[in-house]
Amino acid sequence: MLKRALLPALALGALAGCGIFGGGPHREHYPDARIDPFKGVEGDVGFSDTIQYWRTEADLQRHAALAEKPAEQWKLNWKHMDLDRIELHPGHLAVDEGQALVKKLAARDPAFLACLGEGSADLKGKAAAYPKFDAALGRIVTVEDRIEHCAKRVLKEDLPQGKPSNTKISVYFKSQSAGTPIGVDLSDGNVMEAYRRGEELFYRKTGQLNFACASCHVPGSIMGHKLRGETPTTPFGDAAHYPTYRTPVGALESIQERFARCHGQMRTQALKPGDPAYADLEVFMTVLSNGYPVSVPSAR
């Protein structure tokens, strides 16, 4: 488990730099914001309190004017850019491309689609339960991990996490759960352990700038303030829109690709998407979206 001695923290969405690698006998930590995982997305109440602006479609419509105010736009947590709330963007096109890829691969062997659906060819609502612990595989599994695993097991083909084909299939897979509340199962002890590992990384300072994710995304940090032209927001509800089309870089990104991009911004070596540490971080961040609907495709 040497890798977990050198674990990364993260940054999300359209946000700027956050946490990075740690290592050695001692690492500094950003003060704990004492997030209650069992509150899910509602944990933002008393945290950033911006959930009042983006909790529901009605809230977004009521506060739509904030999108035109640069100093206050961050309060919407970019939710105004999800699904059909903006004009057609490459995220929508990726859904179609991902669907075409799934059909092509399933035509070679229908077991590929059944593997994705864990025994069913119907993917509707399935992505909302990820990340999850897979007892047969003995590890935490994300949607992108499931895609890679199924391609390798059924088709003997590599579809690595972080590569365009995998991410496009993931966008399609998750779009089949659009509107379904996220429900990462914290009653599973393995998932809770992953959450706690991810939580520790969220607060760990590391890298040349000695930042943690929390340096940007908790009350009292630079959350809500400009950082390199972008404004960090609350981590609550953020994982719901991944994979997302990132307008600043003109690319589709999974949440773990975003982790890696942040590491580059922080002058540190990133891990590859699919690393167990990134899976832990994804668990932590997705738990903070529990109860919020999957919002894919999206743009940030």
Protein backbone atom coordinates (compact mmCIF):
# COMPACT_ATOMS: atom_id res chain seq x y z
CA MET A 1 0.00 0.00 0.00
CA LEU A 2 2.93 2.30 -0.69
CA LYS A 3 0.81 4.45 -2.97
CA ARG A 4 -1.38 5.46 -0.09
CA ALA A 5 1.69 6.89 1.61
CA LEU A 6 1.88 9.28 -1.31
CA LEU A 7 -1.74 10.20 -1.83
CA PRO A 8 -3.26 13.14 -3.63
CA ALA A 9 -5.99 15.52 -2.60
CA LEU A 10 -8.10 17.22 -5.22
CA ALA A 11 -9.93 20.06 -6.85
CA LEU A 12 -13.23 19.83 -8.71
CA GLY A 13 -15.34 21.25 -11.48
CA ALA A 14 -14.55 24.66 -12.79
CA LEU A 15 -12.59 25.34 -9.65
CA ALA A 16 -8.92 26.28 -9.48
CA GLY A 17 -6.09 24.41 -7.73
CA CYS A 18 -6.49 22.33 -4.60
CA GLY A 19 -4.79 19.48 -2.85
CA ILE A 20 -1.91 17.30 -4.00
CA PHE A 21 0.46 14.59 -2.90
CA GLY A 22 1.53 13.96 0.64
CA GLY A 23 4.35 11.90 2.02
CA GLY A 24 6.93 11.52 4.75
CA PRO A 25 6.41 11.06 8.48
CA HIS A 26 4.38 14.24 8.91
CA ARG A 27 2.07 16.32 6.75
CA GLU A 28 0.27 19.50 7.71
CA HIS A 29 -3.50 19.51 7.50
CA TYR A 30 -5.98 22.28 6.85
CA PRO A 31 -8.38 22.68 9.79
CA ASP A 32 -11.21 20.16 9.67
CA ALA A 33 -14.56 21.68 8.65
CA ARG A 34 -16.34 18.76 10.36
CA ILE A 35 -18.52 17.66 7.48
CA ASP A 36 -21.26 15.17 8.39
CA PRO A 37 -21.32 12.60 5.56
CA PHE A 38 -24.81 11.41 6.48
CA LYS A 39 -26.31 14.77 5.58
CA GLY A 40 -25.26 14.36 1.96
CA VAL A 41 -25.76 17.45 -0.16
CA GLU A 42 -27.76 19.08 2.64
CA GLY A 43 -24.50 19.37 4.56
CA ASP A 44 -23.97 22.61 2.67
CA VAL A 45 -26.52 24.22 4.98
CA GLY A 46 -24.33 26.07 7.46
CA PHE A 47 -21.27 25.33 5.32
CA SER A 48 -21.35 27.69 2.33
CA ASP A 49 -25.14 28.15 2.51
CA THR A 50 -25.18 28.49 -1.27
CA ILE A 51 -27.44 25.45 -1.63
CA GLN A 52 -30.39 27.80 -1.27
CA TYR A 53 -29.56 29.09 -4.76
CA TRP A 54 -29.12 25.74 -6.56
CA ARG A 55 -30.89 23.01 -4.56
CA THR A 56 -33.76 22.69 -7.08
CA GLU A 57 -34.63 23.81 -10.58
CA ALA A 58 -37.04 26.33 -9.07
CA ASP A 59 -34.24 27.75 -6.90
CA LEU A 60 -32.00 28.10 -9.95
CA GLN A 61 -34.71 29.90 -11.91
CA ARG A 62 -35.48 32.20 -8.99
CA HIS A 63 -31.83 33.20 -8.69
CA ALA A 64 -30.94 33.10 -12.39
CA ALA A 65 -29.84 36.75 -12.30
CA LEU A 66 -26.76 35.74 -10.30
CA ALA A 67 -25.34 34.17 -13.46
CA GLU A 68 -24.93 37.68 -14.85
CA LYS A 69 -23.08 38.96 -11.79
CA PRO A 70 -19.39 37.92 -11.88
CA ALA A 71 -18.87 38.44 -8.15
CA GLU A 72 -21.87 36.29 -7.22
CA GLN A 73 -22.07 33.71 -10.00
CA TRP A 74 -20.13 31.20 -7.91
CA LYS A 75 -23.08 30.94 -5.51
CA LEU A 76 -24.94 28.97 -8.19
CA ASN A 77 -22.19 26.32 -8.03
CA TRP A 78 -22.30 26.27 -11.84
CA LYS A 79 -25.55 24.26 -11.71
CA HIS A 80 -27.06 26.67 -14.22
CA MET A 81 -24.77 25.00 -16.80
CA ASP A 82 -26.14 21.48 -16.39
CA LEU A 83 -28.30 19.41 -18.72
CA ASP A 84 -30.63 21.46 -20.92
CA ARG A 85 -30.20 24.71 -19.01
CA ILE A 86 -27.82 26.00 -21.64
CA GLU A 87 -27.58 25.56 -25.39
CA LEU A 88 -26.11 22.46 -26.99
CA HIS A 89 -22.48 21.91 -25.98
CA PRO A 90 -19.92 19.12 -26.56
CA GLY A 91 -21.13 17.29 -23.47
CA HIS A 92 -24.39 16.53 -25.28
CA LEU A 93 -22.48 15.30 -28.31
CA ALA A 94 -20.39 13.04 -26.07
CA VAL A 95 -23.55 11.32 -24.86
CA ASP A 96 -24.37 10.36 -28.44
CA GLU A 97 -20.80 9.22 -29.07
CA GLY A 98 -20.80 7.16 -25.90
CA GLN A 99 -24.08 5.53 -26.82
CA ALA A 100 -22.70 4.62 -30.24
CA LEU A 101 -19.62 3.08 -28.63
CA VAL A 102 -21.74 1.01 -26.24
CA LYS A 103 -23.87 -0.28 -29.13
CA LYS A 104 -20.78 -1.15 -31.14
CA LEU A 105 -19.14 -3.03 -28.28
CA ALA A 106 -22.37 -4.76 -27.26
CA ALA A 107 -22.84 -5.90 -30.87
CA ARG A 108 -19.56 -7.78 -30.55
CA ASP A 109 -20.73 -9.41 -27.33
CA PRO A 110 -23.99 -8.56 -25.51
CA ALA A 111 -22.30 -9.58 -22.27
CA PHE A 112 -20.47 -6.24 -22.35
CA LEU A 113 -23.69 -4.30 -21.77
CA ALA A 114 -24.88 -6.83 -19.19
CA CYS A 115 -21.57 -6.40 -17.38
CA LEU A 116 -22.01 -2.62 -17.30
CA GLY A 117 -25.50 -3.07 -15.89
CA GLU A 118 -24.37 -5.73 -13.40
CA GLY A 119 -26.56 -8.38 -14.95
CA SER A 120 -29.00 -6.16 -16.82
CA ALA A 121 -28.87 -4.45 -20.21
CA ASP A 122 -30.89 -1.57 -18.73
CA LEU A 123 -28.57 1.16 -17.39
CA LYS A 124 -31.30 3.51 -16.20
CA GLY A 125 -30.62 4.77 -12.70
CA LYS A 126 -27.59 2.52 -12.19
CA ALA A 127 -24.89 5.23 -12.14
CA ALA A 128 -26.50 7.04 -9.21
CA ALA A 129 -25.23 4.32 -6.84
CA TYR A 130 -21.56 4.77 -7.78
CA PRO A 131 -18.89 4.66 -6.43
CA LYS A 132 -19.63 1.36 -4.69
CA PHE A 133 -17.79 -1.61 -3.23
CA ASP A 134 -17.73 -4.63 -5.52
CA ALA A 135 -17.31 -7.77 -3.44
CA ALA A 136 -16.34 -9.90 -6.45
CA LEU A 137 -13.54 -7.50 -7.38
CA GLY A 138 -12.66 -6.70 -3.78
CA ARG A 139 -12.42 -2.96 -4.30
CA ILE A 140 -14.24 0.33 -4.66
CA VAL A 141 -15.55 0.62 -8.21
CA THR A 142 -16.43 3.82 -10.07
CA VAL A 143 -18.39 4.05 -13.33
CA GLU A 144 -15.16 4.50 -15.31
CA ASP A 145 -13.62 1.52 -13.51
CA ARG A 146 -16.66 -0.60 -14.38
CA ILE A 147 -16.29 0.34 -18.04
CA GLU A 148 -12.60 -0.56 -18.06
CA HIS A 149 -13.25 -3.84 -16.24
CA CYS A 150 -16.09 -4.93 -18.53
CA ALA A 151 -14.18 -4.15 -21.70
CA LYS A 152 -11.23 -6.17 -20.49
CA ARG A 153 -13.18 -9.11 -19.08
CA VAL A 154 -15.72 -9.51 -21.88
CA LEU A 155 -14.00 -8.14 -24.96
CA LYS A 156 -10.33 -8.51 -24.01
CA GLU A 157 -9.96 -4.86 -24.97
CA ASP A 158 -8.33 -1.98 -23.13
CA LEU A 159 -10.54 1.02 -22.38
CA PRO A 160 -8.39 2.74 -19.74
CA GLN A 161 -9.84 5.27 -17.38
CA GLY A 162 -9.01 8.81 -18.39
CA LYS A 163 -9.02 8.02 -22.11
CA PRO A 164 -11.65 9.59 -24.41
CA SER A 165 -13.52 6.38 -25.24
CA ASN A 166 -13.94 5.45 -21.59
CA THR A 167 -15.04 8.97 -20.65
CA LYS A 168 -17.58 9.15 -23.49
CA ILE A 169 -19.11 5.84 -22.44
CA SER A 170 -19.19 7.14 -18.88
CA VAL A 171 -21.07 10.28 -19.98
CA TYR A 172 -23.64 8.10 -21.73
CA PHE A 173 -23.85 5.68 -18.78
CA LYS A 174 -24.39 8.52 -16.30
CA SER A 175 -26.84 10.32 -18.56
CA GLN A 176 -29.10 7.29 -18.10
CA SER A 177 -29.38 8.34 -14.44
CA ALA A 178 -29.94 12.05 -15.09
CA GLY A 179 -32.42 13.33 -12.51
CA THR A 180 -31.92 10.32 -10.21
CA PRO A 181 -30.71 11.31 -6.72
CA ILE A 182 -27.17 10.15 -5.98
CA GLY A 183 -27.06 7.46 -3.31
CA VAL A 184 -23.58 6.28 -2.36
CA ASP A 185 -24.17 3.56 0.24
CA LEU A 186 -22.50 4.58 3.49
CA SER A 187 -24.00 1.61 5.29
CA ASP A 188 -21.36 -0.49 3.51
CA GLY A 189 -18.34 -0.48 5.80
CA ASN A 190 -15.95 -0.65 2.85
CA VAL A 191 -17.48 2.49 1.36
CA MET A 192 -17.29 4.32 4.67
CA GLU A 193 -13.62 3.39 5.01
CA ALA A 194 -13.00 4.78 1.52
CA TYR A 195 -14.88 7.95 2.48
CA ARG A 196 -12.65 8.42 5.54
CA ARG A 197 -9.50 7.92 3.49
CA GLY A 198 -10.74 10.44 0.95
CA GLU A 199 -11.67 12.84 3.74
CA GLU A 200 -8.15 12.68 5.15
CA LEU A 201 -6.75 13.57 1.75
CA PHE A 202 -9.16 16.47 1.37
CA TYR A 203 -7.55 18.18 4.37
CA ARG A 204 -3.93 17.13 3.80
CA LYS A 205 -1.58 19.92 2.75
CA THR A 206 1.07 19.03 0.23
CA GLY A 207 2.84 20.17 -2.91
CA GLN A 208 5.02 23.20 -3.57
CA LEU A 209 2.30 25.60 -2.43
CA ASN A 210 1.44 23.52 0.64
CA PHE A 211 -2.27 23.54 -0.25
CA ALA A 212 -5.03 21.11 0.56
CA CYS A 213 -8.38 20.78 -1.19
CA ALA A 214 -9.83 22.44 1.87
CA SER A 215 -7.60 25.46 1.24
CA CYS A 216 -10.06 26.34 -1.52
CA HIS A 217 -13.33 24.68 -0.61
CA VAL A 218 -14.32 25.23 3.01
CA PRO A 219 -15.56 28.30 4.91
CA GLY A 220 -12.71 30.63 5.80
CA SER A 221 -10.64 29.51 2.81
CA ILE A 222 -10.54 31.25 -0.56
CA MET A 223 -13.93 29.73 -1.44
CA GLY A 224 -15.95 32.43 -3.14
CA HIS A 225 -12.85 34.49 -3.99
CA LYS A 226 -10.94 34.73 -7.24
CA LEU A 227 -8.01 32.40 -7.82
CA ARG A 228 -6.29 32.62 -11.21
CA GLY A 229 -9.44 33.96 -12.81
CA GLU A 230 -11.72 31.28 -11.34
CA THR A 231 -13.72 31.14 -8.13
CA PRO A 232 -13.69 28.01 -5.92
CA THR A 233 -17.12 26.90 -4.77
CA THR A 234 -18.59 24.52 -2.22
CA PRO A 235 -17.70 20.85 -2.73
CA PHE A 236 -21.32 19.89 -2.04
CA GLY A 237 -23.26 18.81 -5.10
CA ASP A 238 -20.19 19.16 -7.30
CA ALA A 239 -19.56 15.52 -8.22
CA ALA A 240 -23.06 15.22 -9.70
CA HIS A 241 -22.07 16.76 -13.04
CA TYR A 242 -19.06 14.59 -13.92
CA PRO A 243 -17.88 13.74 -16.53
CA THR A 244 -18.24 17.32 -17.69
CA TYR A 245 -17.20 19.40 -20.66
CA ARG A 246 -14.53 21.80 -19.39
CA THR A 247 -14.84 25.02 -21.37
CA PRO A 248 -11.45 26.48 -20.25
CA VAL A 249 -9.56 23.53 -21.74
CA GLY A 250 -11.98 22.49 -24.47
CA ALA A 251 -12.13 18.89 -23.33
CA LEU A 252 -14.41 16.34 -21.73
CA GLU A 253 -13.14 15.33 -18.28
CA SER A 254 -14.00 12.68 -15.75
CA ILE A 255 -13.75 13.67 -12.12
CA GLN A 256 -10.45 11.80 -11.77
CA GLU A 257 -9.02 13.57 -14.80
CA ARG A 258 -9.90 16.77 -13.01
CA PHE A 259 -7.94 15.60 -9.99
CA ALA A 260 -4.93 15.00 -12.22
CA ARG A 261 -5.26 18.37 -13.95
CA CYS A 262 -5.32 20.08 -10.59
CA HIS A 263 -2.12 18.32 -9.59
CA GLY A 264 -0.43 19.72 -12.67
CA GLN A 265 -1.58 23.20 -11.69
CA MET A 266 -0.09 22.63 -8.25
CA ARG A 267 3.33 21.60 -9.62
CA THR A 268 3.13 18.03 -8.50
CA GLN A 269 3.04 14.64 -10.18
CA ALA A 270 -0.47 13.36 -10.76
CA LEU A 271 -1.65 9.81 -10.36
CA LYS A 272 -3.35 8.05 -13.24
CA PRO A 273 -7.15 7.92 -13.30
CA GLY A 274 -8.12 4.64 -11.72
CA ASP A 275 -5.58 4.79 -8.91
CA PRO A 276 -7.17 3.60 -5.60
CA ALA A 277 -6.39 6.97 -4.01
CA TYR A 278 -8.43 8.74 -6.67
CA ALA A 279 -11.26 6.27 -6.07
CA ASP A 280 -11.24 7.24 -2.38
CA LEU A 281 -11.36 10.91 -3.30
CA GLU A 282 -14.23 10.28 -5.65
CA VAL A 283 -16.11 8.49 -2.88
CA PHE A 284 -15.61 11.44 -0.53
CA MET A 285 -16.74 14.00 -3.07
CA THR A 286 -19.70 11.97 -4.29
CA VAL A 287 -20.98 11.42 -0.77
CA LEU A 288 -21.19 15.23 -0.56
CA SER A 289 -23.59 14.99 -3.51
CA ASN A 290 -25.80 12.30 -1.96
CA GLY A 291 -29.42 13.28 -2.48
CA TYR A 292 -28.65 15.61 -5.38
CA PRO A 293 -29.68 14.38 -8.84
CA VAL A 294 -27.15 13.19 -11.39
CA SER A 295 -26.69 16.15 -13.75
CA VAL A 296 -24.98 14.81 -16.86
CA PRO A 297 -24.23 16.10 -19.47
CA SER A 298 -22.92 19.41 -18.21
CA ALA A 299 -20.38 22.10 -19.00
CA ARG A 300 -18.11 24.01 -16.67
